Amino acid sequence: MRHLLITGVSSGIGLATCQRLLQLGHSVLGISRKKPPIEHPAFSFYSLDLAKISHLPDAFLKLSKEFPRIDGVIFNAAQGHFGNLEEISFEKMKELMDLNYLSHAYLAKVFLPLLKQKPRGDLIFIGSEAALKGKKKGSIYCSSKFALRGFAQALREECASSSVRVSQILPGMARTPFYNELSFEPGFEEEAALQPEDIVSCVELILSMDKRAVCDEIVLSPLKKTISFKKNKQDERSSS
């Protein structure tokens, strides 16, 4: 049994990952603003807004002391905001970078010494295909995902002489509540979007691998890459 911490568990990929790992017999500590619909003896929940960056060091240190058995962290929480650069406020630019990148770096920094004391430890970053190529109206969002990918790659090298494995999953568009408040969503065809379970299967694979092996990076895409634009949607923001 593994003792895993997962961020962004209120819906979508984080919720599906949490549910599946509990089914497999692991214990899970979930972090998000809203409590997910999970009632399980092996599940613990901690309410925390990861966008409030100044509160995170103390909160993470507290969690590391309360849950010293944690031997794996799955970084899933993220926010989306899309638009031309001149349309995005300075405040929103900072918020995206704080949540999508810096909050994960803070969490990894706090728990890494703890994981290095374990026979095996895993840091799994669920990023985005937006980390592979900059796209129109995604200058800040893509930057936040590029930053996270570079951080994970560097951390992989730092941890190579320890028992901690660092892995990344870079999924394309998935059919989740992430797009509820955006002006676009995956196309209507079944093949135009991943399902949360597709990403969960990658998490399972990484955790099940022998400790001698590391899955550095998985790029996961829907078969078709089509987008549907919504009418009368002006606000291009979403979070999970």
Protein backbone atom coordinates (compact mmCIF):
# COMPACT_ATOMS: atom_id res chain seq x y z
CA MET A 1 0.00 0.00 0.00
CA ARG A 2 1.24 3.46 -0.92
CA HIS A 3 0.48 6.68 0.97
CA LEU A 4 -0.21 9.32 -1.66
CA LEU A 5 -0.93 13.04 -1.71
CA ILE A 6 -2.95 14.39 -4.64
CA THR A 7 -3.75 18.04 -5.40
CA GLY A 8 -6.84 19.26 -7.22
CA VAL A 9 -9.11 16.40 -6.16
CA SER A 10 -12.47 18.18 -6.29
CA SER A 11 -13.27 17.12 -9.87
CA GLY A 12 -11.95 15.82 -13.17
CA ILE A 13 -8.60 14.07 -13.37
CA GLY A 14 -7.75 14.60 -9.70
CA LEU A 15 -11.03 13.13 -8.49
CA ALA A 16 -10.78 10.14 -10.84
CA THR A 17 -7.19 9.49 -9.77
CA CYS A 18 -8.13 9.67 -6.10
CA GLN A 19 -11.05 7.26 -6.51
CA ARG A 20 -9.02 4.73 -8.48
CA LEU A 21 -6.06 4.70 -6.09
CA LEU A 22 -8.40 4.18 -3.15
CA GLN A 23 -9.96 1.24 -5.02
CA LEU A 24 -6.47 -0.22 -5.43
CA GLY A 25 -5.95 -0.15 -1.66
CA HIS A 26 -3.78 2.92 -1.28
CA SER A 27 -4.33 5.68 1.26
CA VAL A 28 -4.85 9.17 -0.15
CA LEU A 29 -4.53 12.70 1.21
CA GLY A 30 -6.45 15.03 -1.10
CA ILE A 31 -5.94 18.79 -1.38
CA SER A 32 -8.31 21.22 -3.08
CA ARG A 33 -10.51 24.19 -2.30
CA LYS A 34 -13.70 22.11 -2.30
CA LYS A 35 -14.15 18.70 -0.73
CA PRO A 36 -14.70 15.94 -3.29
CA PRO A 37 -17.64 13.51 -3.06
CA ILE A 38 -15.53 10.77 -1.48
CA GLU A 39 -16.30 8.84 1.69
CA HIS A 40 -13.60 6.26 2.31
CA PRO A 41 -11.72 5.22 5.47
CA ALA A 42 -8.38 5.59 3.71
CA PHE A 43 -9.12 9.11 2.42
CA SER A 44 -8.17 12.32 4.21
CA PHE A 45 -8.99 15.79 2.95
CA TYR A 46 -7.30 19.13 3.50
CA SER A 47 -8.98 22.30 2.20
CA LEU A 48 -6.43 24.68 0.73
CA ASP A 49 -6.42 27.32 -2.00
CA LEU A 50 -3.16 26.70 -3.83
CA ALA A 51 -3.42 30.06 -5.59
CA LYS A 52 -2.76 31.83 -2.27
CA ILE A 53 0.94 31.30 -2.55
CA SER A 54 2.00 33.13 0.63
CA HIS A 55 0.07 30.64 2.79
CA LEU A 56 1.55 27.53 1.23
CA PRO A 57 4.94 27.05 2.97
CA ASP A 58 3.39 26.88 6.44
CA ALA A 59 0.46 24.76 5.25
CA PHE A 60 2.73 22.26 3.49
CA LEU A 61 5.09 22.01 6.44
CA LYS A 62 2.10 21.31 8.68
CA LEU A 63 0.91 18.54 6.35
CA SER A 64 4.35 16.95 6.16
CA LYS A 65 4.36 16.65 9.95
CA GLU A 66 0.78 15.38 10.17
CA PHE A 67 1.22 12.84 7.36
CA PRO A 68 4.85 11.61 7.62
CA ARG A 69 3.97 8.33 5.85
CA ILE A 70 3.42 10.07 2.50
CA ASP A 71 5.64 8.34 -0.08
CA GLY A 72 4.24 9.79 -3.29
CA VAL A 73 2.86 13.12 -4.51
CA ILE A 74 0.67 13.62 -7.58
CA PHE A 75 0.63 17.25 -8.73
CA ASN A 76 -2.63 17.84 -10.54
CA ALA A 77 -4.12 21.22 -9.57
CA ALA A 78 -4.14 23.83 -12.33
CA GLN A 79 -6.01 26.79 -13.73
CA GLY A 80 -6.61 27.81 -17.33
CA HIS A 81 -6.92 31.32 -18.70
CA PHE A 82 -6.67 32.16 -22.38
CA GLY A 83 -6.49 35.37 -24.34
CA ASN A 84 -4.14 37.70 -26.16
CA LEU A 85 -1.34 38.90 -23.91
CA GLU A 86 -2.51 42.52 -23.79
CA GLU A 87 -5.92 41.31 -22.58
CA ILE A 88 -4.56 39.49 -19.54
CA SER A 89 -4.13 41.48 -16.33
CA PHE A 90 -0.90 41.52 -14.36
CA GLU A 91 -2.78 39.94 -11.46
CA LYS A 92 -3.98 37.04 -13.61
CA MET A 93 -0.50 36.49 -15.02
CA LYS A 94 0.88 36.12 -11.51
CA GLU A 95 -2.00 33.90 -10.40
CA LEU A 96 -1.46 31.46 -13.27
CA MET A 97 2.26 31.17 -12.64
CA ASP A 98 1.75 30.85 -8.87
CA LEU A 99 -0.82 28.07 -9.13
CA ASN A 100 0.32 26.16 -12.21
CA TYR A 101 4.01 26.22 -11.40
CA LEU A 102 5.17 27.73 -8.13
CA SER A 103 2.68 25.96 -5.84
CA HIS A 104 3.95 22.62 -7.19
CA ALA A 105 7.57 23.66 -6.66
CA TYR A 106 6.76 24.63 -3.06
CA LEU A 107 5.02 21.30 -2.42
CA ALA A 108 7.88 19.29 -3.93
CA LYS A 109 10.44 21.22 -1.87
CA VAL A 110 8.67 20.44 1.40
CA PHE A 111 7.98 16.75 0.78
CA LEU A 112 11.15 15.79 -1.09
CA PRO A 113 13.31 15.33 2.06
CA LEU A 114 10.57 13.11 3.49
CA LEU A 115 10.34 11.00 0.33
CA LYS A 116 14.10 10.52 0.21
CA GLN A 117 13.88 8.66 3.52
CA LYS A 118 11.49 6.07 2.02
CA PRO A 119 12.45 2.84 0.23
CA ARG A 120 10.77 4.39 -2.81
CA GLY A 121 9.13 7.71 -3.52
CA ASP A 122 7.27 9.15 -6.48
CA LEU A 123 6.68 12.69 -7.70
CA ILE A 124 4.18 12.62 -10.57
CA PHE A 125 3.44 15.87 -12.38
CA ILE A 126 0.26 15.97 -14.46
CA GLY A 127 1.08 18.76 -16.86
CA SER A 128 -0.30 19.48 -20.30
CA GLU A 129 0.48 19.22 -24.00
CA ALA A 130 0.64 23.03 -23.72
CA ALA A 131 4.16 22.44 -22.35
CA LEU A 132 5.25 21.14 -25.76
CA LYS A 133 4.39 24.05 -28.02
CA GLY A 134 3.25 27.63 -27.51
CA LYS A 135 -0.20 28.32 -28.92
CA LYS A 136 -2.26 31.35 -29.87
CA LYS A 137 -3.96 33.00 -26.86
CA GLY A 138 -1.99 30.74 -24.56
CA SER A 139 1.12 32.81 -23.90
CA ILE A 140 0.83 32.79 -20.11
CA TYR A 141 -0.90 29.41 -19.74
CA CYS A 142 1.69 27.72 -21.96
CA SER A 143 4.47 29.50 -20.08
CA SER A 144 3.22 28.12 -16.78
CA LYS A 145 3.18 24.60 -18.22
CA PHE A 146 6.60 25.02 -19.83
CA ALA A 147 7.92 26.11 -16.43
CA LEU A 148 6.45 23.06 -14.71
CA ARG A 149 7.89 20.73 -17.32
CA GLY A 150 11.35 22.25 -17.03
CA PHE A 151 11.16 22.07 -13.25
CA ALA A 152 10.24 18.38 -13.34
CA GLN A 153 13.01 17.60 -15.83
CA ALA A 154 15.60 19.31 -13.65
CA LEU A 155 14.24 17.66 -10.51
CA ARG A 156 14.47 14.27 -12.25
CA GLU A 157 18.21 14.83 -12.63
CA GLU A 158 18.58 16.01 -9.03
CA CYS A 159 16.83 12.91 -7.70
CA ALA A 160 18.61 10.37 -9.89
CA SER A 161 20.94 9.27 -7.08
CA SER A 162 18.09 8.86 -4.57
CA SER A 163 15.09 6.54 -4.20
CA VAL A 164 12.73 9.23 -5.57
CA ARG A 165 11.39 8.90 -9.10
CA VAL A 166 10.16 11.99 -10.97
CA SER A 167 7.65 11.46 -13.78
CA GLN A 168 5.48 13.62 -15.99
CA ILE A 169 2.19 13.02 -17.80
CA LEU A 170 1.38 15.55 -20.53
CA PRO A 171 -2.22 14.98 -21.64
CA GLY A 172 -4.09 16.69 -24.43
CA MET A 173 -7.68 17.84 -24.11
CA ALA A 174 -9.73 15.72 -21.72
CA ARG A 175 -13.47 15.79 -21.16
CA THR A 176 -13.56 17.29 -17.67
CA PRO A 177 -15.12 20.32 -15.91
CA PHE A 178 -11.92 22.23 -16.79
CA TYR A 179 -13.72 23.61 -19.85
CA ASN A 180 -17.01 24.52 -18.17
CA GLU A 181 -16.22 28.23 -17.99
CA LEU A 182 -14.14 28.49 -21.15
CA SER A 183 -15.25 29.61 -24.60
CA PHE A 184 -14.10 26.33 -26.16
CA GLU A 185 -14.07 22.63 -25.41
CA PRO A 186 -13.04 19.38 -27.08
CA GLY A 187 -14.95 18.46 -30.23
CA PHE A 188 -18.16 16.47 -29.91
CA GLU A 189 -16.72 13.23 -31.35
CA GLU A 190 -15.79 10.61 -28.77
CA GLU A 191 -12.27 10.47 -30.21
CA ALA A 192 -11.75 14.24 -29.79
CA ALA A 193 -11.05 14.06 -26.06
CA LEU A 194 -9.39 11.89 -23.49
CA GLN A 195 -11.33 10.66 -20.49
CA PRO A 196 -9.95 11.18 -16.97
CA GLU A 197 -9.51 7.41 -16.73
CA ASP A 198 -6.94 7.56 -19.54
CA ILE A 199 -4.69 9.75 -17.42
CA VAL A 200 -5.40 7.64 -14.35
CA SER A 201 -4.14 4.56 -16.20
CA CYS A 202 -0.82 6.33 -16.75
CA VAL A 203 -0.58 7.14 -13.04
CA GLU A 204 -1.23 3.47 -12.27
CA LEU A 205 1.50 2.42 -14.70
CA ILE A 206 4.07 4.74 -13.15
CA LEU A 207 3.29 3.61 -9.59
CA SER A 208 3.35 -0.08 -10.53
CA MET A 209 6.76 -0.01 -12.21
CA ASP A 210 9.69 -1.64 -10.46
CA LYS A 211 11.76 0.79 -8.43
CA ARG A 212 14.70 0.32 -10.79
CA ALA A 213 12.77 2.01 -13.62
CA VAL A 214 11.53 5.58 -14.10
CA CYS A 215 8.91 6.71 -16.59
CA ASP A 216 10.32 10.13 -17.38
CA GLU A 217 7.52 11.50 -19.54
CA ILE A 218 4.27 10.36 -21.16
CA VAL A 219 2.60 12.43 -23.89
CA LEU A 220 -1.03 11.35 -24.13
CA SER A 221 -3.29 12.68 -26.90
CA PRO A 222 -6.83 12.09 -28.13
CA LEU A 223 -7.06 10.38 -31.49
CA LYS A 224 -8.68 13.46 -33.05
CA LYS A 225 -7.73 17.03 -32.17
CA THR A 226 -10.86 19.04 -32.84
CA ILE A 227 -12.23 21.99 -30.88
CA SER A 228 -15.79 23.20 -30.43
CA PHE A 229 -16.35 26.90 -29.70
CA LYS A 230 -19.22 27.92 -27.44
CA LYS A 231 -21.52 30.82 -28.15
CA ASN A 232 -21.71 33.80 -25.79
CA LYS A 233 -18.75 32.68 -23.69
CA GLN A 234 -16.51 35.64 -23.02
CA ASP A 235 -14.68 34.47 -19.93
CA GLU A 236 -11.85 32.13 -20.81
CA ARG A 237 -10.98 30.88 -17.33
CA SER A 238 -11.12 27.52 -15.67
CA SER A 239 -9.60 25.77 -12.70
CA SER A 240 -9.44 22.38 -11.06
